[in-house]
Amino acid sequence: MAFRHIGLLTLRPDAAPGSAGAILSGLAALRDLVPGVESVQAAQDAGLKDGNADIHFEVAFADEAAWRAYQVHPAHVALVQERIAPAIAAKAFVQVRG
């Protein structure tokens, strides 16, 4: 059964220049770095409305077990610690079966 991890990230106003791009490129790289990741879609908000999140992403997995392995994979952990955590003010995630 397919399994998806969907997230919204809001950057801090004082986030380093280039933070969004660094996060987006890091997310894209996960497909080739983490076994079980089937696809990654990520994009920056178009900036049409104040208050929107800055980044949307969706990572697809074959199943829940692959998502659980991704959560602790060193490449994912490094992305969160080095690029995402220092730059974000807010985050929201959902995991969806099917």
Protein backbone atom coordinates (compact mmCIF):
# COMPACT_ATOMS: atom_id res chain seq x y z
CA MET A 1 0.00 0.00 0.00
CA ALA A 2 1.33 3.45 -0.90
CA PHE A 3 2.19 5.81 1.93
CA ARG A 4 2.81 9.56 1.72
CA HIS A 5 4.42 12.09 4.06
CA ILE A 6 3.22 15.64 3.38
CA GLY A 7 4.65 18.75 4.99
CA LEU A 8 4.35 22.51 5.11
CA LEU A 9 7.27 24.59 6.36
CA THR A 10 7.20 28.27 7.29
CA LEU A 11 10.57 29.99 7.33
CA ARG A 12 11.64 32.38 10.08
CA PRO A 13 11.76 36.02 8.94
CA ASP A 14 15.49 36.05 9.75
CA ALA A 15 16.29 32.75 8.00
CA ALA A 16 19.56 32.86 6.11
CA PRO A 17 19.30 33.86 2.45
CA GLY A 18 19.04 30.75 0.32
CA SER A 19 17.44 28.66 3.08
CA ALA A 20 14.40 27.77 0.98
CA GLY A 21 16.57 26.64 -1.92
CA ALA A 22 18.80 24.61 0.36
CA ILE A 23 15.79 22.88 1.89
CA LEU A 24 14.24 22.17 -1.51
CA SER A 25 17.46 20.72 -2.92
CA GLY A 26 17.94 18.64 0.23
CA LEU A 27 14.45 17.24 -0.04
CA ALA A 28 14.94 16.39 -3.71
CA ALA A 29 18.17 14.54 -2.93
CA LEU A 30 16.43 12.21 -0.49
CA ARG A 31 14.99 10.16 -3.36
CA ASP A 32 18.47 8.98 -4.28
CA LEU A 33 19.83 8.78 -0.74
CA VAL A 34 17.15 7.00 1.26
CA PRO A 35 16.01 3.47 0.37
CA GLY A 36 12.24 3.21 0.11
CA VAL A 37 11.67 6.78 -1.07
CA GLU A 38 9.76 6.45 -4.34
CA SER A 39 9.35 10.12 -5.20
CA VAL A 40 9.72 13.61 -3.79
CA GLN A 41 7.75 16.64 -4.86
CA ALA A 42 8.67 19.96 -3.28
CA ALA A 43 8.01 23.58 -4.16
CA GLN A 44 8.24 27.07 -2.77
CA ASP A 45 5.03 29.06 -2.27
CA ALA A 46 4.18 31.46 -5.09
CA GLY A 47 3.97 34.33 -2.60
CA LEU A 48 0.46 35.40 -3.55
CA LYS A 49 -0.99 35.59 -0.04
CA ASP A 50 0.51 36.66 3.27
CA GLY A 51 0.47 33.99 5.95
CA ASN A 52 1.00 31.00 3.66
CA ALA A 53 3.64 28.43 4.43
CA ASP A 54 6.84 28.89 2.42
CA ILE A 55 7.51 25.30 1.34
CA HIS A 56 5.27 22.34 0.52
CA PHE A 57 6.61 18.84 0.07
CA GLU A 58 5.31 15.34 -0.45
CA VAL A 59 7.43 12.22 -0.14
CA ALA A 60 5.97 8.93 -1.42
CA PHE A 61 6.92 5.53 -0.01
CA ALA A 62 5.92 1.97 -0.88
CA ASP A 63 4.57 1.46 2.61
CA GLU A 64 4.57 2.66 6.20
CA ALA A 65 7.67 0.63 7.06
CA ALA A 66 9.67 2.57 4.45
CA TRP A 67 8.47 5.86 5.99
CA ARG A 68 9.49 4.70 9.46
CA ALA A 69 12.97 3.79 8.17
CA TYR A 70 13.22 7.21 6.48
CA GLN A 71 12.51 8.97 9.77
CA VAL A 72 15.79 7.71 11.27
CA HIS A 73 17.90 7.52 8.10
CA PRO A 74 21.09 9.60 8.49
CA ALA A 75 20.43 11.61 5.29
CA HIS A 76 16.97 12.64 6.51
CA VAL A 77 18.19 13.39 10.03
CA ALA A 78 21.04 15.54 8.65
CA LEU A 79 18.67 17.49 6.39
CA VAL A 80 16.40 18.26 9.33
CA GLN A 81 19.23 19.20 11.69
CA GLU A 82 21.38 21.17 9.25
CA ARG A 83 18.93 22.89 6.89
CA ILE A 84 15.35 22.69 8.13
CA ALA A 85 15.46 23.18 11.91
CA PRO A 86 17.66 26.30 11.85
CA ALA A 87 15.43 28.03 9.28
CA ILE A 88 11.82 27.30 10.22
CA ALA A 89 9.34 29.04 12.44
CA ALA A 90 6.51 26.53 11.99
CA LYS A 91 5.83 23.13 10.49
CA ALA A 92 2.87 20.86 9.85
CA PHE A 93 2.88 17.26 8.66
CA VAL A 94 0.41 14.53 7.76
CA GLN A 95 0.95 10.93 6.79
CA VAL A 96 -1.56 9.44 4.38
CA ARG A 97 -2.21 5.81 3.43
CA GLY A 98 -3.25 5.01 -0.10
